[in-house]
Amino acid sequence: MDSRLPAHLEVSGLLRAVQAAGGFATVLAKGERDAGTLLVVCCENGTKSRAYERMPLPDGAREWVLSKQQGDDNPAEFSDFIARRKRQDSDLWIVELDVENAERFIGLS
């Protein structure tokens, strides 16, 4: 039996937690309601964006991994990465967390 929290509930919890902390959170793309995967974009005042995805480990657990970081020399490259991931996976939820130390909301600090 899969003990994962349904994706829509996890997303809702992230949005509420960030908003309660005085930040801004939004869904950039809705994925599959229950079994969708998450890509979380962490940023501060719309800058220094980092994209995290949960990747499976050999033991079956899943861990957040930094997939892409916005570079100063080509910020459009980050947007292109997000758009490409969205096209690759129709089940993918993309959530932006714009708050100081956003990684804390996904268990990273």
Protein backbone atom coordinates (compact mmCIF):
# COMPACT_ATOMS: atom_id res chain seq x y z
CA MET A 1 0.00 0.00 0.00
CA ASP A 2 1.31 3.46 -0.94
CA SER A 3 1.52 5.76 2.09
CA ARG A 4 2.20 8.92 0.09
CA LEU A 5 0.11 11.96 0.80
CA PRO A 6 -2.06 12.83 -2.22
CA ALA A 7 -0.35 15.52 -4.29
CA HIS A 8 -3.18 18.05 -4.04
CA LEU A 9 -3.11 17.86 -0.23
CA GLU A 10 0.66 18.27 -0.10
CA VAL A 11 0.46 21.29 -2.41
CA SER A 12 -2.35 22.82 -0.35
CA GLY A 13 -0.31 22.37 2.82
CA LEU A 14 2.74 24.00 1.25
CA LEU A 15 0.69 27.00 0.07
CA ARG A 16 -0.88 27.53 3.48
CA ALA A 17 2.39 27.13 5.39
CA VAL A 18 4.24 29.66 3.23
CA GLN A 19 1.37 32.14 3.37
CA ALA A 20 1.17 31.76 7.17
CA ALA A 21 4.89 32.61 7.32
CA GLY A 22 4.25 35.84 5.41
CA GLY A 23 5.47 34.57 2.05
CA PHE A 24 3.83 34.11 -1.32
CA ALA A 25 3.10 30.69 -2.78
CA THR A 26 1.34 29.73 -5.99
CA VAL A 27 0.66 26.77 -8.24
CA LEU A 28 2.32 27.29 -11.62
CA ALA A 29 1.03 23.98 -13.03
CA LYS A 30 -1.49 21.45 -11.74
CA GLY A 31 -0.59 17.81 -12.10
CA GLU A 32 -2.40 14.57 -11.33
CA ARG A 33 -4.59 15.13 -8.26
CA ASP A 34 -3.55 12.15 -6.18
CA ALA A 35 -0.37 10.58 -7.57
CA GLY A 36 1.25 13.57 -9.24
CA THR A 37 4.85 14.46 -8.58
CA LEU A 38 6.05 17.83 -7.32
CA LEU A 39 8.62 20.30 -8.57
CA VAL A 40 9.06 23.10 -6.05
CA VAL A 41 10.59 26.42 -7.10
CA CYS A 42 12.11 28.23 -4.13
CA CYS A 43 12.97 31.91 -4.46
CA GLU A 44 13.30 35.15 -2.50
CA ASN A 45 11.52 38.21 -3.86
CA GLY A 46 11.32 36.54 -7.26
CA THR A 47 15.09 36.06 -7.54
CA LYS A 48 17.67 33.34 -6.94
CA SER A 49 15.26 30.62 -8.07
CA ARG A 50 16.04 26.99 -7.28
CA ALA A 51 14.04 24.00 -8.54
CA TYR A 52 13.76 20.90 -6.35
CA GLU A 53 12.31 17.53 -7.31
CA ARG A 54 11.78 14.50 -5.11
CA MET A 55 13.83 11.60 -6.44
CA PRO A 56 13.55 7.94 -5.47
CA LEU A 57 16.41 6.36 -3.54
CA PRO A 58 17.52 2.70 -3.88
CA ASP A 59 15.76 1.82 -0.59
CA GLY A 60 12.41 3.14 -1.89
CA ALA A 61 12.48 6.39 0.08
CA ARG A 62 12.32 9.71 -1.75
CA GLU A 63 14.56 12.74 -1.25
CA TRP A 64 14.43 16.35 -2.45
CA VAL A 65 17.19 17.06 -4.97
CA LEU A 66 18.23 20.39 -6.48
CA SER A 67 17.46 20.02 -10.21
CA LYS A 68 18.23 23.52 -11.46
CA GLN A 69 19.47 26.82 -10.10
CA GLN A 70 18.89 30.18 -11.80
CA GLY A 71 22.11 31.67 -13.13
CA ASP A 72 22.84 35.37 -13.21
CA ASP A 73 24.18 35.20 -16.75
CA ASN A 74 21.08 33.64 -18.35
CA PRO A 75 17.88 33.81 -16.23
CA ALA A 76 15.74 32.65 -19.19
CA GLU A 77 17.48 29.26 -19.00
CA PHE A 78 15.72 28.59 -15.69
CA SER A 79 12.30 29.42 -17.17
CA ASP A 80 13.06 27.17 -20.13
CA PHE A 81 13.92 24.32 -17.74
CA ILE A 82 10.58 24.70 -15.91
CA ALA A 83 8.64 24.79 -19.20
CA ARG A 84 10.50 21.71 -20.47
CA ARG A 85 9.76 19.75 -17.27
CA LYS A 86 6.08 20.69 -17.58
CA ARG A 87 5.97 19.38 -21.17
CA GLN A 88 7.78 16.16 -20.18
CA ASP A 89 5.44 15.18 -17.34
CA SER A 90 1.72 15.93 -17.50
CA ASP A 91 1.32 14.61 -13.91
CA LEU A 92 3.79 17.19 -12.56
CA TRP A 93 2.72 19.88 -10.11
CA ILE A 94 4.92 22.98 -10.21
CA VAL A 95 4.70 25.12 -7.07
CA GLU A 96 6.55 28.36 -6.40
CA LEU A 97 7.43 29.32 -2.83
CA ASP A 98 8.59 32.94 -2.59
CA VAL A 99 9.72 33.36 0.99
CA GLU A 100 12.96 33.63 2.93
CA ASN A 101 14.62 30.21 3.35
CA ALA A 102 11.90 28.50 1.29
CA GLU A 103 13.71 25.15 1.47
CA ARG A 104 12.57 24.75 5.08
CA PHE A 105 9.05 24.09 3.82
CA ILE A 106 10.19 20.95 2.01
CA GLY A 107 12.37 19.75 4.87
CA LEU A 108 15.66 21.26 3.73
CA SER A 109 17.52 24.05 5.48
